[in-house]
Protein backbone atom coordinates (compact mmCIF):
# COMPACT_ATOMS: atom_id res chain seq x y z
CA MET A 1 64.09 58.22 19.09
CA LEU A 2 61.46 60.26 20.93
CA LYS A 3 62.59 58.79 24.26
CA LYS A 4 66.16 59.89 23.50
CA VAL A 5 65.08 63.46 22.72
CA PHE A 6 62.84 63.56 25.81
CA GLY A 7 65.77 62.44 27.94
CA LEU A 8 67.95 65.15 26.40
CA MET A 9 65.38 67.81 27.23
CA ILE A 10 65.13 66.62 30.85
CA CYS A 11 68.93 66.78 31.26
CA LEU A 12 69.12 70.29 29.85
CA LEU A 13 66.21 71.43 32.01
CA ALA A 14 67.92 70.05 35.12
CA VAL A 15 71.05 72.06 34.32
CA ALA A 16 68.94 75.18 33.78
CA LEU A 17 67.25 74.78 37.17
CA LEU A 18 70.62 74.53 38.87
CA GLN A 19 71.72 77.80 37.25
CA PRO A 20 68.59 80.00 37.06
CA THR A 21 70.53 83.21 36.46
CA GLN A 22 72.17 81.71 33.35
CA ILE A 23 69.15 80.13 31.70
CA PHE A 24 70.19 81.01 28.14
CA ALA A 25 73.72 79.82 28.74
CA ALA A 26 72.52 76.62 30.37
CA THR A 27 69.84 75.32 28.02
CA GLY A 28 71.39 75.57 24.57
CA VAL A 29 69.18 75.17 21.50
CA ILE A 30 67.35 71.98 20.56
CA LEU A 31 64.96 71.26 17.72
CA ASN A 32 61.33 71.49 18.78
CA SER A 33 60.35 68.56 16.55
CA PRO A 34 63.59 66.76 15.67
CA ASP A 35 62.02 63.73 13.95
CA LYS A 36 60.00 66.00 11.68
CA ASP A 37 62.66 68.67 11.18
CA VAL A 38 65.45 66.25 10.26
CA LYS A 39 63.23 64.60 7.67
CA LEU A 40 62.23 67.94 6.17
CA VAL A 41 65.85 68.99 5.62
CA PHE A 42 67.25 65.54 4.83
CA PRO A 43 64.33 63.52 3.38
CA GLN A 44 66.69 60.64 2.53
CA SER A 45 67.76 60.23 6.16
CA THR A 46 67.06 57.04 8.09
CA SER A 47 68.27 58.07 11.55
CA TYR A 48 70.06 60.72 13.53
CA LYS A 49 71.96 61.01 16.79
CA THR A 50 72.74 63.93 19.07
CA LYS A 51 76.12 65.08 20.32
CA ILE A 52 76.37 67.60 23.15
CA VAL A 53 79.61 69.57 23.41
CA THR A 54 80.77 72.83 24.97
CA VAL A 55 83.55 75.29 24.27
CA LYS A 56 84.53 74.99 27.92
CA ASP A 57 85.25 71.26 27.62
CA ASN A 58 87.02 71.52 24.27
CA GLY A 59 89.67 74.15 24.88
CA GLY A 60 88.05 76.59 27.28
CA ALA A 61 89.56 80.08 27.27
CA ASN A 62 91.99 79.25 24.45
CA LEU A 63 89.21 78.01 22.18
CA GLN A 64 87.06 81.01 23.11
CA LYS A 65 89.87 83.35 22.07
CA ALA A 66 90.35 81.49 18.78
CA ILE A 67 86.62 81.65 18.03
CA GLU A 68 86.46 85.38 18.79
CA GLU A 69 89.44 86.08 16.52
CA ARG A 70 87.84 84.19 13.65
CA LEU A 71 84.42 85.68 14.29
CA GLY A 72 85.77 89.21 14.52
CA SER A 73 83.80 90.03 17.67
CA LYS A 74 83.54 89.04 21.32
CA LEU A 75 81.31 86.17 22.36
CA ASP A 76 78.26 87.31 24.31
CA PRO A 77 78.65 86.24 27.98
CA VAL A 78 75.08 84.90 28.06
CA PHE A 79 74.10 83.81 24.56
CA ASP A 80 77.59 82.56 23.61
CA ALA A 81 78.91 81.53 27.04
CA VAL A 82 81.63 78.87 27.02
CA ASP A 83 79.43 76.46 28.99
CA VAL A 84 76.51 76.57 26.54
CA PRO A 85 75.67 72.97 25.56
CA HIS A 86 75.85 72.88 21.75
CA ILE A 87 73.55 70.16 20.45
CA PHE A 88 74.67 68.80 17.08
CA TYR A 89 72.35 66.45 15.19
CA THR A 90 74.36 64.02 13.08
CA VAL A 91 72.12 62.78 10.29
CA ASN A 92 72.59 59.34 8.74
CA LYS A 93 71.41 57.37 5.76
CA GLY A 94 72.06 53.82 6.84
CA ASN A 95 75.63 53.85 8.16
CA GLU A 96 76.62 56.93 6.15
CA VAL A 97 76.72 60.44 7.65
CA ILE A 98 74.89 62.73 5.24
CA GLY A 99 74.79 65.93 7.25
CA TYR A 100 74.60 67.92 10.46
CA ILE A 101 72.07 70.28 12.02
CA HIS A 102 73.01 72.81 14.68
CA GLY A 103 71.27 75.90 16.05
CA ILE A 104 72.40 78.80 18.19
CA ASP A 105 70.80 81.63 20.14
CA GLN A 106 71.72 84.95 18.58
CA LYS A 107 71.26 88.20 20.46
CA ASP A 108 69.29 90.82 18.55
CA ALA A 109 67.17 93.92 19.19
CA TYR A 110 64.17 91.75 20.06
CA GLY A 111 65.77 89.66 22.78
CA GLY A 112 67.15 86.82 20.70
CA MET A 113 66.53 84.54 17.75
CA GLN A 114 67.26 80.89 17.13
CA VAL A 115 69.02 80.24 13.85
CA PHE A 116 69.67 76.73 12.55
CA LEU A 117 72.05 75.59 9.84
CA ALA A 118 71.93 72.28 8.04
CA LEU A 119 75.32 71.27 6.66
CA ASP A 120 76.48 68.48 4.38
CA PRO A 121 79.39 66.28 5.55
CA ALA A 122 81.89 68.69 3.96
CA GLY A 123 80.53 71.65 5.95
CA LYS A 124 78.59 73.28 3.09
CA ILE A 125 75.31 74.93 4.00
CA VAL A 126 72.31 72.93 2.83
CA ASP A 127 69.67 75.12 4.46
CA LEU A 128 69.15 77.97 6.90
CA TYR A 129 66.01 78.36 8.98
CA TYR A 130 64.74 79.87 12.20
CA GLN A 131 63.04 78.33 15.16
CA LYS A 132 62.47 81.81 16.56
CA ILE A 133 62.63 85.26 14.95
CA SER A 134 60.81 88.38 16.10
CA SER A 135 61.92 91.02 13.61
CA THR A 136 59.25 93.39 12.30
CA GLU A 137 60.38 92.21 8.87
CA ALA A 138 60.58 88.53 9.74
CA ARG A 139 58.65 87.53 6.61
CA LEU A 140 61.48 88.91 4.47
CA PHE A 141 64.16 87.01 6.37
CA THR A 142 62.17 83.77 6.38
CA ASP A 143 61.51 83.94 2.65
CA LYS A 144 63.02 80.97 0.81
CA ALA A 145 64.79 83.31 -1.61
CA PHE A 146 66.85 84.74 1.26
CA ALA A 147 67.83 81.33 2.67
CA LYS A 148 68.73 80.13 -0.84
CA GLN A 149 71.58 82.67 -0.96
CA PHE A 150 73.41 80.71 1.74
CA LYS A 151 73.23 77.33 0.03
CA GLY A 152 76.67 75.92 -0.74
CA ILE A 153 78.54 78.47 1.37
CA THR A 154 81.27 77.22 3.72
CA LEU A 155 83.37 78.76 6.46
CA LYS A 156 86.11 79.21 3.86
CA ASP A 157 83.88 81.74 2.08
CA PHE A 158 83.54 83.78 5.28
CA TYR A 159 87.29 83.70 5.86
CA TYR A 160 87.86 84.81 2.24
CA SER A 161 85.42 87.68 2.72
CA ASP A 162 87.26 88.79 5.87
CA SER A 163 90.68 88.74 4.22
CA MET A 164 89.43 90.71 1.20
CA LYS A 165 87.82 93.53 3.24
CA GLY A 166 89.20 96.87 2.06
CA MET A 167 90.88 95.32 -0.97
CA SER A 168 90.30 96.68 -4.47
CA CYS A 169 92.21 93.97 -6.29
CA CYS A 170 89.57 91.27 -6.10
CA GLU A 171 85.85 90.80 -6.53
CA GLY A 172 83.79 89.91 -3.48
CA GLY A 173 83.09 86.25 -2.83
CA SER A 174 79.78 84.48 -2.30
CA VAL A 175 79.32 85.87 1.23
CA ASP A 176 79.61 89.48 0.03
CA LYS A 177 76.93 88.83 -2.58
CA ILE A 178 74.28 87.91 0.00
CA LYS A 179 71.65 90.66 -0.16
CA ASP A 180 69.91 92.16 2.85
CA PRO A 181 66.17 91.75 2.09
CA SER A 182 65.00 94.19 4.76
CA LYS A 183 63.77 97.72 4.22
CA LYS A 184 64.83 99.09 7.61
CA ASP A 185 65.78 96.24 9.95
CA HIS A 186 69.40 96.06 8.80
CA ALA A 187 70.57 95.26 12.33
CA GLU A 188 68.68 91.97 12.12
CA PHE A 189 70.46 91.13 8.88
CA SER A 190 73.80 91.75 10.58
CA ALA A 191 72.74 89.55 13.49
CA ILE A 192 71.78 86.74 11.11
CA MET A 193 75.10 86.97 9.28
CA ARG A 194 76.96 86.83 12.60
CA SER A 195 74.94 83.79 13.70
CA VAL A 196 75.71 81.95 10.47
CA LYS A 197 79.42 82.67 10.72
CA LEU A 198 79.55 81.70 14.40
CA ASN A 199 77.61 78.52 13.70
CA LEU A 200 80.08 77.55 10.97
CA ILE A 201 83.07 78.28 13.24
CA LEU A 202 81.58 76.21 16.07
CA SER A 203 80.80 73.38 13.66
CA ASP A 204 84.35 73.46 12.32
CA LYS A 205 85.89 73.44 15.80
CA LEU A 206 83.54 71.02 17.54
CA VAL A 207 82.46 68.56 14.83
CA LEU A 208 84.45 68.90 11.59
CA ASN A 209 87.93 68.62 13.17
CA ASN A 210 89.16 72.03 11.95
CA LYS A 211 88.48 71.23 8.30
CA TYR A 212 88.63 74.92 7.34
CA GLU A 213 91.35 76.09 9.72
CA SER A 214 93.90 76.28 6.89
CA SER A 215 91.64 78.85 5.17
CA TYR A 216 91.89 81.25 8.10
CA LYS A 217 94.50 83.93 7.37
CA GLY A 218 94.58 85.61 10.76
CA LYS A 219 95.33 89.21 11.67
CA LYS A 220 98.99 89.13 10.56
CA ASP A 221 98.27 87.79 7.08
CA THR A 222 95.30 90.11 6.59
CA LYS A 223 97.48 93.10 7.51
CA ASP A 224 100.16 92.04 5.04
CA MET A 225 97.59 91.65 2.25
CA LYS A 226 96.54 95.32 2.55
CA GLY A 227 99.75 96.21 0.81
CA MET A 228 98.25 94.65 -2.31
CA LYS A 229 95.50 97.28 -2.49
CA GLY A 230 95.15 98.71 -5.94
CA MET A 231 97.13 95.95 -7.63
């Protein structure tokens, strides 16, 4: 297992050396201690394997456009470049897949953070944690009580939140109930929320075979729903 991870790191480093001006876009995000980290999140696991995929090789510009529409913002040309190698860890218990782990670089006011999500096979969040965070209020964001708010959330919840924005007919869903723990670093909270949503979209598109695509309403449907305001 260690040899496999070491080989993965060498391959990613080689790509980075070939493209020194795009180091963030070239290296992707890998777990520092995968054997340990996988066991911490999935203690029942017996093995894991890595899958490296890119937006470029799975739809290119069309997939990028689809991701940006669902995310509600443009992909960063460095942190979210289409050629970023996304490393998904598929976690097994025997021959059964029990979850996935995937991390992304998220641009913030401090240069960038690395946010990981652990998902169950259905795409529900099992855990959220950081491999890098430099906020002045990092201790508040790394508190277990904050991460616990994300447990059980899926991409469907984010899509529901988007479609209900500006509506007065319905109560907010689980995403809207996530509380910002910071006193003043609210921009970091926004960055974390974006990273979680983007991670879920990438997971849905690149690993889960568009499991939650039917939950996405799109701009046309969202516009039509605004006529329901006040009902």
